[in-house]
Amino acid sequence: MQNWRRHSIFWPLLLIAVGILLLMNNLGNLPGTTWDVVSRLWPLLLIAAGLDGFWRGQGYAGATVVTGLGVIFLMGNLGYLSFTAWDLILRLWPIFLVALGLDIIVGHQRPWSAALGVLIGLFITAGIFWLITSAPFTSDYKTEEVTFNLNNATTARGTIAMPVGKLELSSGAESDTLLTGTLYMNNNEEFSKSLSFNGSTTTFRLDSHGFAAFVPFSRSGGQENWVIRLNPAPTYNLTLQMAAGDMAINLGGLKFSNLLIQTAVGKTTINLPSEGPLSGTIKTAVGETVLYVPSGVPVRLTFDKGLVSFVYPPNFNFNRDVLTSPNFSNNGAAIDLKIDHAVGSIRVEYLSKE
């Protein structure tokens, strides 16, 4: 009996869940791209892992907590809670350590250990749900206003590094300023900025650090959100970095000598400028990359992708990991980007005219 119970059912459960999801997506019951479906329903992995733990009889407290967290994360992704799964993970990841420790203490060999483990797991899961819905430990979000003077700079080298949240970047700074920004941050974060000038070139950096391992909840539903506006006059060599979250980048009206965008986990949406030249690299480990291309702009995209779904306009030409627009010519005035994407989805669409 013990040998039989050790056989894992994780992969069979996963295959069943994936098959059902793909069938529902094909029938139109789950709208959106493949990545949209995956990004919302990935907590089913935790539920399958928890059920597998019950089946094998190895750690009932941990299995209960993992299953419960999977359900809570799924509720967050589906909009039934005010926090997404990533928000919850940033706050609740130490619970996995607690569950593992309790499983070691309770064990799973004694007759009463299964019932006690399940009770402990249910108690922890109920406490987590109460913590999320009532938010007894709240955190006020602070606001930082940033203004960098232009100082007649014609070129700018900059780095904007944001650990978690949403970054919105576009043109729109006043004529005498290089950059303006409104940064909403958790009180646990420490913000730093720097600006220096060397002739007609300016160098700047915005980042936050000291991000706490446990991030309190907020009754106001606030989240880390940076809104950055750049002056359209200088030519930028810009690096944007994010660990987890969303980037909404509008490059219209801006000029670049080089652009580097790095995202570990999340979604990156980029509106390309209406004219080149523009060269750069977009790197994503896990997530979705969406590129909006203005009609008539010559574009070449070179891909280095892993397990990725890929959608592009039908009149684009795709050959050996290189995607080009219909009017592309290698004359130095085009938009030329390299896309490194490990897991997730890539979409290239025409920018709609409104």
Protein backbone atom coordinates (compact mmCIF):
# COMPACT_ATOMS: atom_id res chain seq x y z
CA MET A 1 0.00 0.00 0.00
CA GLN A 2 2.80 2.42 0.87
CA ASN A 3 4.54 1.80 -2.46
CA TRP A 4 1.29 2.31 -4.35
CA ARG A 5 0.61 5.59 -2.57
CA ARG A 6 4.03 6.93 -3.50
CA HIS A 7 3.15 7.06 -7.20
CA SER A 8 2.73 10.69 -8.16
CA ILE A 9 -0.44 11.90 -9.88
CA PHE A 10 0.86 15.43 -10.45
CA TRP A 11 1.53 14.99 -14.17
CA PRO A 12 -1.77 13.20 -14.89
CA LEU A 13 -3.65 15.98 -13.08
CA LEU A 14 -1.67 18.59 -14.98
CA LEU A 15 -2.37 16.93 -18.33
CA ILE A 16 -6.09 16.77 -17.53
CA ALA A 17 -6.17 20.44 -16.50
CA VAL A 18 -4.20 21.58 -19.57
CA GLY A 19 -6.40 19.53 -21.86
CA ILE A 20 -9.57 21.05 -20.40
CA LEU A 21 -8.15 24.57 -20.65
CA LEU A 22 -7.02 24.13 -24.25
CA LEU A 23 -10.41 22.71 -25.17
CA MET A 24 -12.21 25.65 -23.52
CA ASN A 25 -9.87 28.10 -25.27
CA ASN A 26 -10.49 26.48 -28.65
CA LEU A 27 -14.24 26.65 -28.07
CA GLY A 28 -14.00 30.34 -27.20
CA ASN A 29 -14.96 29.97 -23.54
CA LEU A 30 -11.61 31.39 -22.39
CA PRO A 31 -11.00 34.63 -24.29
CA GLY A 32 -7.52 35.98 -24.88
CA THR A 33 -4.19 34.66 -26.08
CA THR A 34 -2.53 31.51 -24.83
CA TRP A 35 -0.38 33.59 -22.49
CA ASP A 36 -3.48 35.36 -21.15
CA VAL A 37 -4.91 31.99 -20.17
CA VAL A 38 -1.63 30.75 -18.69
CA SER A 39 -1.01 33.97 -16.73
CA ARG A 40 -4.43 33.71 -15.10
CA LEU A 41 -4.68 29.98 -14.46
CA TRP A 42 -1.12 28.94 -13.55
CA PRO A 43 -2.12 28.54 -9.82
CA LEU A 44 -3.71 25.27 -10.94
CA LEU A 45 -0.14 23.94 -10.74
CA LEU A 46 -0.17 24.53 -7.00
CA ILE A 47 -3.56 22.90 -6.64
CA ALA A 48 -2.33 19.85 -8.56
CA ALA A 49 0.83 19.71 -6.42
CA GLY A 50 -1.24 19.89 -3.23
CA LEU A 51 -3.60 17.13 -4.35
CA ASP A 52 -0.60 15.04 -5.30
CA GLY A 53 0.75 15.53 -1.78
CA PHE A 54 -2.53 14.23 -0.32
CA TRP A 55 -2.48 11.25 -2.67
CA ARG A 56 1.04 10.23 -1.72
CA GLY A 57 0.47 10.89 1.98
CA GLN A 58 3.65 12.93 2.40
CA GLY A 59 3.04 16.04 4.46
CA TYR A 60 -0.64 16.81 4.99
CA ALA A 61 -0.14 20.30 6.46
CA GLY A 62 2.01 21.36 3.51
CA ALA A 63 -0.36 19.79 0.99
CA THR A 64 -3.31 21.61 2.54
CA VAL A 65 -1.50 24.97 2.53
CA VAL A 66 -0.24 24.56 -1.05
CA THR A 67 -3.74 23.63 -2.26
CA GLY A 68 -5.28 26.52 -0.33
CA LEU A 69 -2.73 29.00 -1.67
CA GLY A 70 -3.39 27.74 -5.19
CA VAL A 71 -7.10 28.47 -4.74
CA ILE A 72 -6.40 31.92 -3.25
CA PHE A 73 -3.93 32.82 -6.03
CA LEU A 74 -6.45 31.67 -8.63
CA MET A 75 -9.15 33.84 -7.05
CA GLY A 76 -6.77 36.79 -7.19
CA ASN A 77 -5.98 36.25 -10.87
CA LEU A 78 -9.66 35.91 -11.73
CA GLY A 79 -10.51 39.20 -10.01
CA TYR A 80 -12.32 37.89 -6.93
CA LEU A 81 -9.67 39.46 -4.68
CA SER A 82 -8.13 42.93 -4.86
CA PHE A 83 -4.63 41.45 -5.19
CA THR A 84 -3.12 39.47 -8.04
CA ALA A 85 -1.22 36.24 -7.50
CA TRP A 86 2.14 38.03 -7.85
CA ASP A 87 1.14 40.57 -5.21
CA LEU A 88 0.19 37.73 -2.87
CA ILE A 89 3.38 35.76 -3.50
CA LEU A 90 5.51 38.77 -2.61
CA ARG A 91 3.72 38.98 0.71
CA LEU A 92 3.02 35.34 1.55
CA TRP A 93 6.02 33.33 0.34
CA PRO A 94 7.27 32.69 3.95
CA ILE A 95 4.12 30.62 4.48
CA PHE A 96 5.71 27.83 2.40
CA LEU A 97 8.56 27.70 4.93
CA VAL A 98 6.07 27.56 7.79
CA ALA A 99 4.16 24.70 6.14
CA LEU A 100 7.38 22.74 5.54
CA GLY A 101 8.43 23.16 9.16
CA LEU A 102 5.03 22.04 10.44
CA ASP A 103 5.14 18.95 8.25
CA ILE A 104 8.52 18.03 9.73
CA ILE A 105 7.16 18.46 13.28
CA VAL A 106 3.87 16.65 12.77
CA GLY A 107 5.29 13.95 10.52
CA HIS A 108 3.13 11.55 8.53
CA GLN A 109 3.70 8.15 10.06
CA ARG A 110 1.40 8.32 13.10
CA PRO A 111 -2.34 7.57 12.70
CA TRP A 112 -3.35 11.02 13.96
CA SER A 113 -0.78 12.96 11.93
CA ALA A 114 -2.96 13.18 8.79
CA ALA A 115 -5.94 14.70 10.60
CA LEU A 116 -3.74 17.07 12.61
CA GLY A 117 -1.82 18.13 9.50
CA VAL A 118 -5.02 18.88 7.59
CA LEU A 119 -6.41 20.87 10.53
CA ILE A 120 -3.21 22.90 10.81
CA GLY A 121 -3.16 23.49 7.07
CA LEU A 122 -6.80 24.62 7.06
CA PHE A 123 -6.12 26.94 10.00
CA ILE A 124 -3.17 28.53 8.17
CA THR A 125 -5.14 28.87 4.91
CA ALA A 126 -8.09 30.44 6.72
CA GLY A 127 -5.72 32.86 8.43
CA ILE A 128 -4.18 33.81 5.09
CA PHE A 129 -7.61 34.45 3.59
CA TRP A 130 -8.61 36.57 6.58
CA LEU A 131 -5.35 38.50 6.32
CA ILE A 132 -6.02 39.27 2.65
CA THR A 133 -9.67 40.25 2.96
CA SER A 134 -9.45 42.25 6.20
CA ALA A 135 -5.87 43.57 5.84
CA PRO A 136 -5.17 44.06 9.56
CA PHE A 137 -1.54 44.88 8.83
CA THR A 138 -1.76 47.76 6.44
CA SER A 139 0.85 49.80 4.72
CA ASP A 140 0.56 53.38 3.54
CA TYR A 141 2.08 54.09 0.18
CA LYS A 142 4.39 57.07 -0.10
CA THR A 143 4.79 59.30 -3.13
CA GLU A 144 8.05 60.63 -4.51
CA GLU A 145 8.08 63.48 -7.03
CA VAL A 146 11.18 63.58 -9.24
CA THR A 147 12.37 66.35 -11.54
CA PHE A 148 15.66 66.37 -13.44
CA ASN A 149 16.72 69.60 -15.17
CA LEU A 150 17.59 69.42 -18.86
CA ASN A 151 20.57 71.79 -18.57
CA ASN A 152 20.76 72.00 -22.41
CA ALA A 153 21.71 68.31 -22.69
CA THR A 154 21.52 66.83 -26.17
CA THR A 155 22.26 63.22 -25.15
CA ALA A 156 21.20 61.32 -22.04
CA ARG A 157 22.28 58.00 -20.56
CA GLY A 158 19.79 56.68 -18.03
CA THR A 159 18.78 53.67 -15.98
CA ILE A 160 15.37 53.15 -14.39
CA ALA A 161 15.29 50.07 -12.13
CA MET A 162 12.01 49.10 -10.50
CA PRO A 163 11.75 45.86 -8.48
CA VAL A 164 8.00 45.21 -8.53
CA GLY A 165 4.92 47.03 -9.78
CA LYS A 166 3.99 48.96 -12.90
CA LEU A 167 6.17 51.34 -14.91
CA GLU A 168 4.62 53.81 -17.34
CA LEU A 169 7.06 55.75 -19.52
CA SER A 170 6.47 58.19 -22.36
CA SER A 171 7.43 61.65 -23.60
CA GLY A 172 5.82 64.72 -22.09
CA ALA A 173 8.35 66.46 -19.84
CA GLU A 174 8.46 70.25 -20.00
CA SER A 175 10.99 71.94 -22.27
CA ASP A 176 13.36 72.86 -19.43
CA THR A 177 13.28 69.46 -17.73
CA LEU A 178 14.89 66.19 -18.76
CA LEU A 179 12.60 63.95 -16.73
CA THR A 180 9.61 64.23 -14.43
CA GLY A 181 8.17 61.38 -12.44
CA THR A 182 5.56 60.46 -9.86
CA LEU A 183 6.57 57.34 -7.97
CA TYR A 184 4.15 55.46 -5.72
CA MET A 185 6.08 53.12 -3.45
CA ASN A 186 5.59 50.96 -0.40
CA ASN A 187 6.94 52.42 2.83
CA ASN A 188 9.39 49.52 3.03
CA GLU A 189 11.19 50.72 -0.09
CA GLU A 190 14.06 53.21 -0.16
CA PHE A 191 14.29 55.40 -3.24
CA SER A 192 17.53 56.74 -4.72
CA LYS A 193 18.26 59.04 -7.64
CA SER A 194 21.36 60.52 -9.25
CA LEU A 195 22.05 63.06 -11.98
CA SER A 196 25.34 64.26 -13.43
CA PHE A 197 26.43 66.36 -16.39
CA ASN A 198 29.44 66.16 -18.68
CA GLY A 199 29.25 68.80 -21.36
CA SER A 200 26.15 68.17 -23.47
CA THR A 201 25.66 64.66 -22.02
CA THR A 202 23.72 63.91 -18.86
CA THR A 203 23.63 60.65 -16.90
CA PHE A 204 20.79 59.75 -14.56
CA ARG A 205 19.51 56.84 -12.52
CA LEU A 206 16.28 56.07 -10.67
CA ASP A 207 15.88 52.96 -8.54
CA SER A 208 14.48 51.63 -5.29
CA HIS A 209 16.12 49.19 -2.93
CA GLY A 210 15.78 47.72 0.52
CA PHE A 211 12.63 45.92 -0.62
CA ALA A 212 11.37 43.97 2.41
CA ALA A 213 10.83 40.24 2.26
CA PHE A 214 7.35 40.75 3.70
CA VAL A 215 5.27 43.50 2.12
CA PRO A 216 2.24 44.58 4.18
CA PHE A 217 -1.18 44.85 2.64
CA SER A 218 -2.95 48.12 1.99
CA ARG A 219 -6.63 48.76 2.52
CA SER A 220 -6.52 51.37 -0.21
CA GLY A 221 -5.47 48.75 -2.75
CA GLY A 222 -2.39 50.76 -3.62
CA GLN A 223 0.49 49.32 -5.57
CA GLU A 224 3.92 50.34 -6.70
CA ASN A 225 3.37 52.52 -9.77
CA TRP A 226 5.95 54.76 -11.45
CA VAL A 227 4.86 57.31 -14.05
CA ILE A 228 7.85 58.75 -15.93
CA ARG A 229 7.84 61.48 -18.59
CA LEU A 230 10.91 62.24 -20.73
CA ASN A 231 11.87 65.32 -22.71
CA PRO A 232 11.67 64.56 -26.46
CA ALA A 233 14.66 66.77 -27.35
CA PRO A 234 17.70 64.65 -26.26
CA THR A 235 18.81 61.34 -27.74
CA TYR A 236 18.62 58.60 -25.11
CA ASN A 237 20.68 55.54 -24.26
CA LEU A 238 18.15 54.05 -21.87
CA THR A 239 17.98 50.92 -19.70
CA LEU A 240 14.71 49.83 -18.07
CA GLN A 241 14.78 46.99 -15.52
CA MET A 242 12.00 45.23 -13.62
CA ALA A 243 11.89 42.04 -11.54
CA ALA A 244 8.13 41.41 -11.65
CA GLY A 245 5.26 43.49 -12.95
CA ASP A 246 4.09 45.45 -15.99
CA MET A 247 5.85 47.91 -18.25
CA ALA A 248 3.84 50.23 -20.49
CA ILE A 249 6.36 52.02 -22.71
CA ASN A 250 5.35 54.59 -25.32
CA LEU A 251 8.37 55.54 -27.44
CA GLY A 252 6.46 57.95 -29.66
CA GLY A 253 8.22 61.27 -30.03
CA LEU A 254 11.43 60.05 -28.37
CA LYS A 255 14.87 59.47 -29.93
CA PHE A 256 17.23 56.66 -28.94
CA SER A 257 20.75 55.60 -29.74
CA ASN A 258 20.14 52.39 -27.80
CA LEU A 259 17.37 50.86 -25.71
CA LEU A 260 17.57 47.92 -23.28
CA ILE A 261 14.45 46.59 -21.55
CA GLN A 262 14.81 43.73 -19.05
CA THR A 263 11.90 41.98 -17.32
CA ALA A 264 12.18 38.84 -15.21
CA VAL A 265 8.46 38.07 -14.86
CA GLY A 266 5.61 40.12 -16.25
CA LYS A 267 4.16 41.92 -19.25
CA THR A 268 5.96 44.47 -21.43
CA THR A 269 3.90 46.61 -23.81
CA ILE A 270 5.81 48.90 -26.18
CA ASN A 271 4.44 51.46 -28.63
CA LEU A 272 7.19 51.89 -31.21
CA PRO A 273 7.98 55.37 -32.55
CA SER A 274 6.65 56.56 -35.90
CA GLU A 275 10.17 56.78 -37.33
CA GLY A 276 13.66 55.38 -36.81
CA PRO A 277 16.39 54.86 -36.32
CA LEU A 278 16.04 52.79 -33.15
CA SER A 279 18.13 49.84 -32.05
CA GLY A 280 17.92 47.88 -28.84
CA THR A 281 17.19 44.66 -26.99
CA ILE A 282 14.11 43.46 -25.11
CA LYS A 283 14.75 40.62 -22.65
CA THR A 284 12.00 38.69 -20.87
CA ALA A 285 12.41 35.52 -18.82
CA VAL A 286 8.73 34.66 -18.25
CA GLY A 287 5.80 36.71 -19.47
CA GLU A 288 4.29 38.51 -22.42
CA THR A 289 5.82 41.02 -24.82
CA VAL A 290 3.52 43.13 -27.00
CA LEU A 291 4.91 45.43 -29.70
CA TYR A 292 2.66 47.97 -31.42
CA VAL A 293 4.08 49.07 -34.78
CA PRO A 294 2.86 52.26 -36.49
CA SER A 295 1.78 51.60 -40.07
CA GLY A 296 4.47 52.30 -42.65
CA VAL A 297 7.42 52.20 -40.25
CA PRO A 298 10.28 49.91 -41.40
CA VAL A 299 10.89 47.34 -38.67
CA ARG A 300 13.19 44.36 -38.21
CA LEU A 301 12.85 42.11 -35.18
CA THR A 302 15.39 39.36 -34.49
CA PHE A 303 14.20 36.69 -32.08
CA ASP A 304 15.92 34.37 -29.65
CA LYS A 305 12.98 32.58 -28.11
CA GLY A 306 12.30 29.42 -26.15
CA LEU A 307 8.86 28.09 -25.22
CA VAL A 308 6.94 31.01 -26.71
CA SER A 309 3.74 31.51 -28.65
CA PHE A 310 4.19 34.00 -31.48
CA VAL A 311 1.67 36.17 -33.36
CA TYR A 312 2.43 38.83 -35.98
CA PRO A 313 0.62 40.67 -38.82
CA PRO A 314 0.01 38.54 -41.92
CA ASN A 315 1.83 40.93 -44.26
CA PHE A 316 5.07 40.77 -42.23
CA ASN A 317 7.80 38.44 -43.44
CA PHE A 318 9.22 35.87 -41.01
CA ASN A 319 12.35 33.96 -41.98
CA ARG A 320 14.83 32.20 -39.71
CA ASP A 321 13.90 34.02 -36.52
CA VAL A 322 13.86 37.41 -38.27
CA LEU A 323 10.59 39.31 -38.70
CA THR A 324 10.47 42.30 -41.06
CA SER A 325 7.75 44.73 -42.02
CA PRO A 326 6.66 44.94 -45.68
CA ASN A 327 8.62 48.14 -46.35
CA PHE A 328 11.79 47.23 -44.44
CA SER A 329 15.12 48.20 -46.01
CA ASN A 330 18.45 48.10 -44.26
CA ASN A 331 19.27 51.75 -44.80
CA GLY A 332 19.96 52.76 -41.21
CA ALA A 333 16.63 54.53 -40.69
CA ALA A 334 14.69 51.49 -39.52
CA ILE A 335 13.67 50.18 -36.12
CA ASP A 336 15.94 47.23 -35.41
CA LEU A 337 15.31 45.29 -32.20
CA LYS A 338 16.46 41.99 -30.74
CA ILE A 339 13.87 40.08 -28.70
CA ASP A 340 15.16 37.54 -26.14
CA HIS A 341 12.19 35.70 -24.64
CA ALA A 342 12.39 32.41 -22.74
CA VAL A 343 8.80 31.48 -21.80
CA GLY A 344 5.47 33.10 -22.58
CA SER A 345 4.00 34.99 -25.50
CA ILE A 346 5.09 37.53 -28.12
CA ARG A 347 2.61 39.61 -30.08
CA VAL A 348 3.38 42.11 -32.83
CA GLU A 349 0.45 44.25 -33.90
CA TYR A 350 -0.17 47.39 -35.90
CA LEU A 351 -0.79 50.46 -33.77
CA SER A 352 -4.40 51.46 -34.24
CA LYS A 353 -5.18 55.01 -35.33
CA GLU A 354 -7.56 56.74 -32.96
